[in-house]
Amino acid sequence: MNPETAKQILQLTQDGYVRIARYFDKTRNTVWEDFSIFRPSVKEGARVLDVGCGNGRLYAALKDKHITYVGVDQNPYLIEQAQERYPDARFFVGNILSLQSLPEVSGERFDIVFSVAVVCHLPSVQLRRHLIASARSLLVRDGLLMMLNWNLWRFARRHKSIWKNLHQRLTLSPLIWREMYVVSERDMGFRDVMTWWGTRKNGVPLYYRAFSAGELRALCRDVGFGDISSFYTAHGRKAHWWNGRNLALIARNTLVSSPVRAKKKAPAVLRQMSYASAPKIIRDTYAAHEHHFPQQNSPR
């Protein structure tokens, strides 16, 4: 993706969250089940930085461990809500792409840096690498980076996915696409996904990156993380790429290089993917796995 398009999409996503902040807050008022995946790795009294903390619901999931928690987000309304709900924690408004220069965390080091559904909103590899490197710079030696990103490869008819995005690319005219998503479809790669969040009248376009586990691990290795593990999750348990709601990752800030493991081949359906073959592959794959993903009614 070229820098100008990335800049436009980044601003589009930031403005979108400002517009939907009140409704978004109401849809994020419970503890996310998949947070439980990380609990065994969070030690009692750990110093935690939550990058892109939103309304602070991660703190609600971990406060019984008596953590020292700091949350940063660019959305003033969500930070205001977080401060009201969790007065025992520290929250502040700040640009997450300028972590190292924020006075609120300058000179501090953390045992854990969390990033929940944040990196998937960054539209270029340079921005993703920059954020992950900044997170590493704020960790103690052997500190942990813990990430959750939406798994857009899963088969779920009622939720955002790369399959729905691909269908729109194949069926919508360039004019209608641009009216919906502002940016041109031609300026985006195959794994760049645009979705519409909210109602037709009051919704906004949002960008997501359809990460594979290998791509996310490579980003962390590139900036110096070692001992990296990643897995798909659903309802607080490990899952598969085709039914997991999220892609989780835990990486350790260590100067000791970990051996590079042999890369696993992507599933055949992904290796064979192309725009021309996509419709048939989608039909065949849905038919093969129909029993694994019953229709769901709750919006996500």
Protein backbone atom coordinates (compact mmCIF):
# COMPACT_ATOMS: atom_id res chain seq x y z
CA MET A 1 0.00 0.00 0.00
CA ASN A 2 1.39 3.39 -0.95
CA PRO A 3 2.08 5.92 1.85
CA GLU A 4 -0.65 8.35 0.78
CA THR A 5 -3.34 5.68 0.83
CA ALA A 6 -2.10 4.41 4.19
CA LYS A 7 -2.26 7.93 5.62
CA GLN A 8 -5.77 8.42 4.29
CA ILE A 9 -6.99 5.10 5.72
CA LEU A 10 -5.38 5.76 9.10
CA GLN A 11 -7.16 9.11 9.37
CA LEU A 12 -10.41 7.53 8.16
CA THR A 13 -10.25 4.89 10.91
CA GLN A 14 -9.37 7.43 13.63
CA ASP A 15 -12.21 9.75 12.59
CA GLY A 16 -14.58 6.78 12.42
CA TYR A 17 -13.93 5.77 16.02
CA VAL A 18 -14.53 9.36 17.18
CA ARG A 19 -17.90 9.32 15.44
CA ILE A 20 -19.05 5.96 16.83
CA ALA A 21 -17.40 6.28 20.26
CA ARG A 22 -20.63 6.37 22.30
CA TYR A 23 -22.22 3.38 20.61
CA PHE A 24 -18.91 1.51 20.47
CA ASP A 25 -18.54 1.96 24.23
CA LYS A 26 -21.95 0.38 24.81
CA THR A 27 -20.96 -2.69 22.77
CA ARG A 28 -17.76 -3.12 24.81
CA ASN A 29 -19.16 -3.12 28.35
CA THR A 30 -18.38 -6.74 29.24
CA VAL A 31 -15.12 -8.61 29.73
CA TRP A 32 -14.06 -10.30 26.49
CA GLU A 33 -13.88 -14.07 26.90
CA ASP A 34 -10.62 -14.32 24.99
CA PHE A 35 -8.81 -12.18 27.59
CA SER A 36 -8.73 -15.32 29.74
CA ILE A 37 -6.16 -16.80 27.32
CA PHE A 38 -3.56 -14.40 28.72
CA ARG A 39 -4.30 -14.70 32.45
CA PRO A 40 -1.83 -17.53 33.17
CA SER A 41 1.00 -15.34 31.80
CA VAL A 42 0.10 -12.29 33.90
CA LYS A 43 1.93 -12.40 37.23
CA GLU A 44 0.58 -10.94 40.45
CA GLY A 45 1.45 -7.25 40.68
CA ALA A 46 2.70 -6.97 37.08
CA ARG A 47 3.22 -3.54 35.53
CA VAL A 48 0.93 -3.43 32.48
CA LEU A 49 0.65 -0.96 29.59
CA ASP A 50 -2.50 -1.28 27.46
CA VAL A 51 -1.94 0.32 24.04
CA GLY A 52 -5.24 1.29 22.45
CA CYS A 53 -7.11 0.57 25.67
CA GLY A 54 -10.51 1.89 24.58
CA ASN A 55 -12.87 2.01 27.55
CA GLY A 56 -10.50 -0.01 29.74
CA ARG A 57 -12.26 -3.34 29.87
CA LEU A 58 -8.95 -5.25 29.84
CA TYR A 59 -8.26 -3.81 33.29
CA ALA A 60 -11.57 -5.27 34.51
CA ALA A 61 -10.35 -8.72 33.43
CA LEU A 62 -7.01 -8.46 35.27
CA LYS A 63 -7.51 -6.17 38.28
CA ASP A 64 -7.89 -9.11 40.67
CA LYS A 65 -4.17 -9.77 40.03
CA HIS A 66 -3.37 -6.40 41.65
CA ILE A 67 -1.61 -5.15 38.54
CA THR A 68 -0.23 -1.64 38.10
CA TYR A 69 -2.12 -0.64 34.97
CA VAL A 70 -1.66 2.22 32.49
CA GLY A 71 -4.00 2.62 29.51
CA VAL A 72 -3.51 4.91 26.52
CA ASP A 73 -5.92 5.60 23.67
CA GLN A 74 -6.43 8.35 21.09
CA ASN A 75 -10.18 8.58 21.72
CA PRO A 76 -11.02 11.15 24.43
CA TYR A 77 -14.55 9.86 25.02
CA LEU A 78 -13.44 6.27 25.62
CA ILE A 79 -10.69 7.43 27.99
CA GLU A 80 -13.25 9.49 29.90
CA GLN A 81 -15.45 6.41 30.31
CA ALA A 82 -12.48 4.30 31.41
CA GLN A 83 -11.46 6.84 34.06
CA GLU A 84 -14.98 6.92 35.49
CA ARG A 85 -15.31 3.14 35.67
CA TYR A 86 -11.84 2.27 36.91
CA PRO A 87 -10.49 5.08 39.13
CA ASP A 88 -7.78 2.77 40.52
CA ALA A 89 -6.05 2.60 37.12
CA ARG A 90 -4.25 5.28 35.09
CA PHE A 91 -5.68 6.33 31.74
CA PHE A 92 -4.62 9.10 29.38
CA VAL A 93 -5.23 10.32 25.84
CA GLY A 94 -2.23 9.92 23.57
CA ASN A 95 -1.08 9.03 20.07
CA ILE A 96 -0.24 5.33 20.14
CA LEU A 97 2.14 5.83 17.21
CA SER A 98 4.24 8.15 19.41
CA LEU A 99 4.52 5.93 22.48
CA GLN A 100 8.16 6.66 23.22
CA SER A 101 7.61 10.41 23.33
CA LEU A 102 4.53 10.38 25.58
CA PRO A 103 5.44 12.01 28.92
CA GLU A 104 3.00 9.76 30.81
CA VAL A 105 5.18 6.69 30.10
CA SER A 106 8.55 8.34 29.50
CA GLY A 107 11.25 6.55 31.47
CA GLU A 108 8.92 3.75 32.56
CA ARG A 109 9.32 0.06 31.81
CA PHE A 110 6.55 -2.51 31.89
CA ASP A 111 6.36 -6.25 32.46
CA ILE A 112 3.62 -6.60 29.84
CA VAL A 113 2.42 -4.49 26.93
CA PHE A 114 -1.03 -5.37 25.62
CA SER A 115 -2.40 -4.50 22.20
CA VAL A 116 -5.99 -5.63 21.70
CA ALA A 117 -7.56 -5.18 18.24
CA VAL A 118 -5.15 -2.33 17.45
CA VAL A 119 -2.40 -3.49 15.07
CA CYS A 120 -5.02 -4.86 12.67
CA HIS A 121 -6.21 -1.26 12.12
CA LEU A 122 -2.80 -0.05 10.91
CA PRO A 123 -2.77 0.04 7.09
CA SER A 124 0.93 -0.38 6.31
CA VAL A 125 3.75 -2.70 7.34
CA GLN A 126 5.85 0.33 8.34
CA LEU A 127 3.21 1.52 10.83
CA ARG A 128 2.72 -1.99 12.26
CA ARG A 129 6.44 -2.53 12.67
CA HIS A 130 6.84 0.91 14.26
CA LEU A 131 4.13 0.27 16.88
CA ILE A 132 5.46 -3.17 17.78
CA ALA A 133 9.02 -1.83 18.05
CA SER A 134 7.80 1.02 20.27
CA ALA A 135 6.05 -1.49 22.51
CA ARG A 136 9.26 -3.49 22.82
CA SER A 137 11.21 -0.38 23.83
CA LEU A 138 8.91 0.03 26.85
CA LEU A 139 9.33 -3.56 28.10
CA VAL A 140 11.73 -4.83 30.71
CA ARG A 141 14.11 -7.61 29.75
CA ASP A 142 12.02 -10.77 29.32
CA GLY A 143 8.86 -8.67 29.35
CA LEU A 144 5.92 -9.84 27.27
CA LEU A 145 4.00 -8.41 24.34
CA MET A 146 0.45 -9.79 24.24
CA MET A 147 -1.72 -9.13 21.22
CA LEU A 148 -5.22 -9.98 20.06
CA ASN A 149 -6.25 -9.21 16.50
CA TRP A 150 -9.44 -10.08 14.71
CA ASN A 151 -9.19 -13.29 12.70
CA LEU A 152 -10.70 -12.29 9.37
CA TRP A 153 -10.11 -15.68 7.74
CA ARG A 154 -12.82 -17.44 9.72
CA PHE A 155 -16.06 -18.51 8.11
CA ALA A 156 -18.88 -16.59 9.77
CA ARG A 157 -21.64 -15.23 7.61
CA ARG A 158 -22.77 -12.47 9.95
CA HIS A 159 -19.34 -11.06 10.82
CA LYS A 160 -16.56 -9.16 9.10
CA SER A 161 -14.19 -11.36 7.11
CA ILE A 162 -11.87 -11.38 4.14
CA TRP A 163 -14.47 -13.51 2.33
CA LYS A 164 -17.16 -10.82 2.58
CA ASN A 165 -14.67 -8.19 1.53
CA LEU A 166 -13.61 -10.28 -1.45
CA HIS A 167 -17.24 -10.77 -2.47
CA GLN A 168 -17.76 -7.00 -2.43
CA ARG A 169 -14.62 -6.44 -4.49
CA LEU A 170 -15.89 -8.85 -7.09
CA THR A 171 -19.47 -7.59 -7.24
CA LEU A 172 -19.51 -3.85 -6.43
CA SER A 173 -18.68 -1.27 -9.04
CA PRO A 174 -15.60 0.90 -8.32
CA LEU A 175 -17.89 3.92 -7.90
CA ILE A 176 -20.11 2.28 -5.26
CA TRP A 177 -17.05 0.89 -3.45
CA ARG A 178 -15.51 4.35 -3.24
CA GLU A 179 -18.78 5.90 -2.06
CA MET A 180 -18.88 3.37 0.80
CA TYR A 181 -15.21 3.24 1.79
CA VAL A 182 -13.76 6.54 0.49
CA VAL A 183 -10.52 4.92 -0.73
CA SER A 184 -10.08 3.12 -4.04
CA GLU A 185 -10.20 -0.67 -4.03
CA ARG A 186 -7.32 -0.68 -6.51
CA ASP A 187 -4.99 0.87 -3.92
CA MET A 188 -5.47 -2.01 -1.49
CA GLY A 189 -3.88 -5.44 -1.28
CA PHE A 190 -5.66 -8.76 -1.02
CA ARG A 191 -5.40 -8.87 2.81
CA ASP A 192 -6.55 -5.27 3.24
CA VAL A 193 -10.18 -5.39 4.38
CA MET A 194 -12.70 -2.56 4.55
CA THR A 195 -15.86 -3.01 6.61
CA TRP A 196 -18.88 -0.93 7.51
CA TRP A 197 -19.36 -0.58 11.28
CA GLY A 198 -22.81 0.37 12.55
CA THR A 199 -26.07 1.19 10.83
CA ARG A 200 -26.46 2.37 7.26
CA LYS A 201 -27.21 5.93 8.41
CA ASN A 202 -24.87 6.25 11.37
CA GLY A 203 -22.11 3.80 10.52
CA VAL A 204 -18.53 4.39 9.44
CA PRO A 205 -15.98 2.58 7.24
CA LEU A 206 -13.16 0.89 9.16
CA TYR A 207 -9.96 -0.74 7.93
CA TYR A 208 -8.63 -4.13 9.10
CA ARG A 209 -5.61 -6.21 8.15
CA ALA A 210 -6.38 -9.91 7.65
CA PHE A 211 -3.31 -11.20 9.46
CA SER A 212 -2.06 -14.75 9.19
CA ALA A 213 -0.25 -16.16 12.21
CA GLY A 214 3.00 -16.27 10.23
CA GLU A 215 2.77 -12.63 9.18
CA LEU A 216 2.24 -11.48 12.77
CA ARG A 217 5.11 -13.59 14.10
CA ALA A 218 7.42 -12.21 11.38
CA LEU A 219 6.59 -8.63 12.38
CA CYS A 220 7.63 -9.40 15.96
CA ARG A 221 10.82 -11.19 14.93
CA ASP A 222 11.76 -8.24 12.70
CA VAL A 223 11.91 -5.86 15.67
CA GLY A 224 13.78 -8.23 17.98
CA PHE A 225 11.22 -10.29 19.87
CA GLY A 226 11.94 -13.93 20.60
CA ASP A 227 10.09 -16.92 22.06
CA ILE A 228 6.99 -16.10 19.99
CA SER A 229 3.81 -18.15 20.14
CA SER A 230 0.56 -17.52 18.29
CA PHE A 231 -2.77 -19.30 18.16
CA TYR A 232 -6.40 -18.76 17.22
CA THR A 233 -9.02 -18.31 19.93
CA ALA A 234 -12.79 -18.50 20.38
CA HIS A 235 -14.76 -18.08 23.62
CA GLY A 236 -11.60 -18.22 25.73
CA ARG A 237 -10.25 -21.42 24.18
CA LYS A 238 -7.81 -22.26 21.43
CA ALA A 239 -9.41 -22.70 18.04
CA HIS A 240 -8.53 -23.02 14.34
CA TRP A 241 -7.98 -20.50 11.55
CA TRP A 242 -11.39 -21.29 10.07
CA ASN A 243 -13.46 -20.82 13.26
CA GLY A 244 -11.33 -18.72 15.64
CA ARG A 245 -12.63 -15.26 16.41
CA ASN A 246 -9.22 -13.83 17.21
CA LEU A 247 -5.55 -14.38 16.53
CA ALA A 248 -3.56 -14.23 19.77
CA LEU A 249 0.19 -13.73 20.09
CA ILE A 250 2.64 -13.72 23.00
CA ALA A 251 6.24 -12.59 22.38
CA ARG A 252 9.15 -12.17 24.80
CA ASN A 253 11.56 -9.26 24.84
CA THR A 254 14.81 -11.15 24.96
CA LEU A 255 18.23 -10.46 23.46
CA VAL A 256 18.79 -14.19 23.09
CA SER A 257 17.84 -15.22 19.59
CA SER A 258 15.34 -18.03 19.40
CA PRO A 259 15.81 -20.69 16.74
CA VAL A 260 13.77 -19.98 13.66
CA ARG A 261 11.19 -22.67 13.23
CA ALA A 262 10.32 -24.08 9.86
CA LYS A 263 7.44 -22.19 8.34
CA LYS A 264 4.19 -24.06 8.11
CA LYS A 265 2.46 -24.02 4.80
CA ALA A 266 -0.73 -22.03 4.68
CA PRO A 267 -3.93 -24.08 4.29
CA ALA A 268 -4.49 -25.22 0.73
CA VAL A 269 -7.54 -22.98 0.35
CA LEU A 270 -5.32 -19.94 1.03
CA ARG A 271 -2.43 -21.07 -1.16
CA GLN A 272 -4.79 -21.46 -4.10
CA MET A 273 -6.48 -18.10 -3.57
CA SER A 274 -6.76 -15.61 -6.39
CA TYR A 275 -9.45 -13.16 -7.40
CA ALA A 276 -10.43 -15.29 -10.37
CA SER A 277 -10.83 -18.49 -8.36
CA ALA A 278 -12.26 -16.98 -5.20
CA PRO A 279 -16.01 -17.48 -5.78
CA LYS A 280 -15.68 -21.22 -6.39
CA ILE A 281 -13.27 -21.68 -3.48
CA ILE A 282 -15.60 -19.84 -1.14
CA ARG A 283 -18.58 -21.96 -2.19
CA ASP A 284 -16.62 -25.20 -1.90
CA THR A 285 -15.13 -24.31 1.47
CA TYR A 286 -18.45 -23.20 2.93
CA ALA A 287 -20.01 -26.45 1.81
CA ALA A 288 -17.19 -28.52 3.31
CA HIS A 289 -17.29 -26.77 6.69
CA GLU A 290 -20.98 -25.80 6.94
CA HIS A 291 -21.49 -27.80 10.14
CA HIS A 292 -18.66 -25.98 11.93
CA PHE A 293 -20.15 -22.50 11.90
CA PRO A 294 -23.88 -22.21 12.58
CA GLN A 295 -25.40 -18.81 11.97
CA GLN A 296 -24.99 -16.37 14.84
CA ASN A 297 -27.35 -13.56 15.73
CA SER A 298 -25.26 -11.33 18.00
CA PRO A 299 -23.45 -8.46 16.21
CA ARG A 300 -19.68 -8.19 16.55
